[in-house]
């Protein structure tokens, strides 16, 4: 579900896209934000991304989960397990990101490999 509009992601106008900060929004919400501001201000951490919408990446892992979750050959139990695992992964990513930002603010961490943050987007 897109945390901005609270609508379910799909493979139509609600395709999930990754912002450079790591948050995921649907294409529709990103387009609305872009139309108003000509930049993308993340509604969660308020970081400003001046990249054009077309330069953003789709959240391919989430898209794969949508495809699997909406598959007709899956039982309700299998779809529930997939969705549960996705929610668990997203929750762990948020906790880890908050902890890292807290450590940076406390000056307990001086160097973070940017590849690590990118990796969080693909887990």
C-alpha atoms as a PDB file:
ATOM      1  CA  UNK A   1       0.000   0.000   0.000  1.00  0.00           C
ATOM      2  CA  UNK A   2       1.221   3.493  -0.823  1.00  0.00           C
ATOM      3  CA  UNK A   3       1.691   5.204   2.519  1.00  0.00           C
ATOM      4  CA  UNK A   4       0.955   8.583   0.954  1.00  0.00           C
ATOM      5  CA  UNK A   5      -2.468   7.957  -0.617  1.00  0.00           C
ATOM      6  CA  UNK A   6      -3.257   4.758   1.350  1.00  0.00           C
ATOM      7  CA  UNK A   7      -4.227   2.938  -1.860  1.00  0.00           C
ATOM      8  CA  UNK A   8      -3.019  -0.506  -2.854  1.00  0.00           C
ATOM      9  CA  UNK A   9      -0.116  -0.718  -5.271  1.00  0.00           C
ATOM     10  CA  UNK A  10      -0.930  -2.281  -8.624  1.00  0.00           C
ATOM     11  CA  UNK A  11       0.622  -2.645 -12.051  1.00  0.00           C
ATOM     12  CA  UNK A  12      -1.467   0.214 -13.524  1.00  0.00           C
ATOM     13  CA  UNK A  13      -1.230   3.797 -12.251  1.00  0.00           C
ATOM     14  CA  UNK A  14      -0.200   2.683  -8.750  1.00  0.00           C
ATOM     15  CA  UNK A  15       3.166   1.156  -9.698  1.00  0.00           C
ATOM     16  CA  UNK A  16       5.578   1.462  -6.737  1.00  0.00           C
ATOM     17  CA  UNK A  17       8.651   3.681  -7.320  1.00  0.00           C
ATOM     18  CA  UNK A  18      11.673   4.200  -5.090  1.00  0.00           C
ATOM     19  CA  UNK A  19      12.698   7.688  -4.050  1.00  0.00           C
ATOM     20  CA  UNK A  20      16.458   8.259  -3.579  1.00  0.00           C
ATOM     21  CA  UNK A  21      15.840   8.427   0.196  1.00  0.00           C
ATOM     22  CA  UNK A  22      14.557   4.838   0.145  1.00  0.00           C
ATOM     23  CA  UNK A  23      10.842   5.447   0.605  1.00  0.00           C
ATOM     24  CA  UNK A  24       8.365   3.978  -1.863  1.00  0.00           C
ATOM     25  CA  UNK A  25       5.428   5.869  -3.362  1.00  0.00           C
ATOM     26  CA  UNK A  26       3.041   5.040  -6.165  1.00  0.00           C
ATOM     27  CA  UNK A  27       3.616   6.629  -9.565  1.00  0.00           C
ATOM     28  CA  UNK A  28       0.369   8.584  -9.228  1.00  0.00           C
ATOM     29  CA  UNK A  29       1.446  10.279  -5.976  1.00  0.00           C
ATOM     30  CA  UNK A  30       4.901  11.094  -7.352  1.00  0.00           C
ATOM     31  CA  UNK A  31       3.325  12.692 -10.431  1.00  0.00           C
ATOM     32  CA  UNK A  32       1.006  14.817  -8.286  1.00  0.00           C
ATOM     33  CA  UNK A  33       3.903  16.010  -6.117  1.00  0.00           C
ATOM     34  CA  UNK A  34       5.996  16.779  -9.232  1.00  0.00           C
ATOM     35  CA  UNK A  35       3.176  18.732 -10.902  1.00  0.00           C
ATOM     36  CA  UNK A  36       2.790  21.005  -7.864  1.00  0.00           C
ATOM     37  CA  UNK A  37       6.433  21.618  -6.999  1.00  0.00           C
ATOM     38  CA  UNK A  38       8.594  20.602 -10.004  1.00  0.00           C
ATOM     39  CA  UNK A  39      10.621  18.636  -7.479  1.00  0.00           C
ATOM     40  CA  UNK A  40       9.850  15.658  -5.314  1.00  0.00           C
ATOM     41  CA  UNK A  41       9.671  16.291  -1.584  1.00  0.00           C
ATOM     42  CA  UNK A  42       9.364  13.009   0.298  1.00  0.00           C
ATOM     43  CA  UNK A  43       6.245  13.201   2.491  1.00  0.00           C
ATOM     44  CA  UNK A  44       7.924  11.107   5.191  1.00  0.00           C
ATOM     45  CA  UNK A  45      11.398  12.549   5.754  1.00  0.00           C
ATOM     46  CA  UNK A  46      10.865  15.773   3.744  1.00  0.00           C
ATOM     47  CA  UNK A  47      14.072  15.272   1.771  1.00  0.00           C
ATOM     48  CA  UNK A  48      13.932  17.071  -1.556  1.00  0.00           C
ATOM     49  CA  UNK A  49      14.803  15.171  -4.719  1.00  0.00           C
ATOM     50  CA  UNK A  50      15.254  17.321  -7.806  1.00  0.00           C
ATOM     51  CA  UNK A  51      15.419  14.311 -10.116  1.00  0.00           C
ATOM     52  CA  UNK A  52      12.714  14.066 -12.751  1.00  0.00           C
ATOM     53  CA  UNK A  53      10.101  11.349 -12.243  1.00  0.00           C
ATOM     54  CA  UNK A  54      11.473   9.350 -15.166  1.00  0.00           C
ATOM     55  CA  UNK A  55      14.863   9.015 -13.450  1.00  0.00           C
ATOM     56  CA  UNK A  56      13.361   7.100 -10.515  1.00  0.00           C
ATOM     57  CA  UNK A  57      13.517   3.315 -10.325  1.00  0.00           C
ATOM     58  CA  UNK A  58      10.567   1.050  -9.923  1.00  0.00           C
ATOM     59  CA  UNK A  59      10.528  -1.025  -6.731  1.00  0.00           C
ATOM     60  CA  UNK A  60      11.060  -4.304  -8.580  1.00  0.00           C
ATOM     61  CA  UNK A  61      10.918  -6.489  -5.477  1.00  0.00           C
ATOM     62  CA  UNK A  62       7.555  -5.046  -4.550  1.00  0.00           C
ATOM     63  CA  UNK A  63       6.364  -5.428  -8.150  1.00  0.00           C
ATOM     64  CA  UNK A  64       7.389  -9.097  -8.053  1.00  0.00           C
ATOM     65  CA  UNK A  65       5.448  -9.508  -4.817  1.00  0.00           C
ATOM     66  CA  UNK A  66       2.398  -7.864  -6.394  1.00  0.00           C
ATOM     67  CA  UNK A  67       2.636 -10.294  -9.301  1.00  0.00           C
ATOM     68  CA  UNK A  68       2.989 -13.258  -6.953  1.00  0.00           C
ATOM     69  CA  UNK A  69       0.304 -12.035  -4.575  1.00  0.00           C
ATOM     70  CA  UNK A  70      -2.208 -11.483  -7.351  1.00  0.00           C
ATOM     71  CA  UNK A  71      -1.424 -14.827  -9.003  1.00  0.00           C
ATOM     72  CA  UNK A  72      -4.430 -17.048  -9.500  1.00  0.00           C
ATOM     73  CA  UNK A  73      -2.425 -20.194  -8.991  1.00  0.00           C
ATOM     74  CA  UNK A  74      -1.585 -19.299  -5.398  1.00  0.00           C
ATOM     75  CA  UNK A  75      -3.736 -20.372  -2.489  1.00  0.00           C
ATOM     76  CA  UNK A  76      -4.946 -17.786   0.011  1.00  0.00           C
ATOM     77  CA  UNK A  77      -2.466 -19.195   2.541  1.00  0.00           C
ATOM     78  CA  UNK A  78       0.475 -18.753   0.128  1.00  0.00           C
ATOM     79  CA  UNK A  79      -0.563 -15.183  -0.714  1.00  0.00           C
ATOM     80  CA  UNK A  80      -0.895 -14.355   2.997  1.00  0.00           C
ATOM     81  CA  UNK A  81       2.611 -15.671   3.723  1.00  0.00           C
ATOM     82  CA  UNK A  82       4.131 -13.631   0.891  1.00  0.00           C
ATOM     83  CA  UNK A  83       2.374 -10.465   2.043  1.00  0.00           C
ATOM     84  CA  UNK A  84       3.374 -11.085   5.683  1.00  0.00           C
ATOM     85  CA  UNK A  85       7.037 -11.503   4.682  1.00  0.00           C
ATOM     86  CA  UNK A  86       6.938  -8.307   2.635  1.00  0.00           C
ATOM     87  CA  UNK A  87       5.548  -6.331   5.595  1.00  0.00           C
ATOM     88  CA  UNK A  88       8.171  -7.809   7.890  1.00  0.00           C
ATOM     89  CA  UNK A  89      10.989  -6.823   5.478  1.00  0.00           C
ATOM     90  CA  UNK A  90       9.637  -3.256   5.131  1.00  0.00           C
ATOM     91  CA  UNK A  91       9.390  -2.911   8.929  1.00  0.00           C
ATOM     92  CA  UNK A  92      12.982  -4.107   9.416  1.00  0.00           C
ATOM     93  CA  UNK A  93      14.236  -1.669   6.755  1.00  0.00           C
ATOM     94  CA  UNK A  94      12.526   1.253   8.537  1.00  0.00           C
ATOM     95  CA  UNK A  95      13.961   0.268  11.924  1.00  0.00           C
ATOM     96  CA  UNK A  96      17.457  -0.116  10.512  1.00  0.00           C
ATOM     97  CA  UNK A  97      17.324   3.222   8.675  1.00  0.00           C
ATOM     98  CA  UNK A  98      16.109   5.044  11.804  1.00  0.00           C
ATOM     99  CA  UNK A  99      18.879   3.477  13.910  1.00  0.00           C
ATOM    100  CA  UNK A 100      21.559   4.485  11.391  1.00  0.00           C
ATOM    101  CA  UNK A 101      20.261   8.073  11.197  1.00  0.00           C
ATOM    102  CA  UNK A 102      20.166   8.221  15.018  1.00  0.00           C
ATOM    103  CA  UNK A 103      23.803   7.089  15.212  1.00  0.00           C
ATOM    104  CA  UNK A 104      24.836   9.666  12.603  1.00  0.00           C
ATOM    105  CA  UNK A 105      23.092  12.451  14.534  1.00  0.00           C
ATOM    106  CA  UNK A 106      24.803  11.353  17.754  1.00  0.00           C
ATOM    107  CA  UNK A 107      28.112  11.389  15.853  1.00  0.00           C
ATOM    108  CA  UNK A 108      28.728   7.760  16.786  1.00  0.00           C
ATOM    109  CA  UNK A 109      29.039   6.852  13.119  1.00  0.00           C
ATOM    110  CA  UNK A 110      31.227   8.964  10.854  1.00  0.00           C
ATOM    111  CA  UNK A 111      31.171   6.982   7.645  1.00  0.00           C
ATOM    112  CA  UNK A 112      28.379   5.018   6.005  1.00  0.00           C
ATOM    113  CA  UNK A 113      28.924   3.231   2.726  1.00  0.00           C
ATOM    114  CA  UNK A 114      26.313   4.565   0.287  1.00  0.00           C
ATOM    115  CA  UNK A 115      26.075   1.110  -1.292  1.00  0.00           C
ATOM    116  CA  UNK A 116      24.622  -0.040   2.014  1.00  0.00           C
ATOM    117  CA  UNK A 117      21.753   2.442   1.733  1.00  0.00           C
ATOM    118  CA  UNK A 118      21.119   1.446  -1.869  1.00  0.00           C
ATOM    119  CA  UNK A 119      21.086  -2.170  -0.778  1.00  0.00           C
ATOM    120  CA  UNK A 120      18.262  -1.375   1.658  1.00  0.00           C
ATOM    121  CA  UNK A 121      16.121  -0.373  -1.305  1.00  0.00           C
ATOM    122  CA  UNK A 122      16.517  -3.765  -2.924  1.00  0.00           C
ATOM    123  CA  UNK A 123      16.059  -6.052   0.078  1.00  0.00           C
END
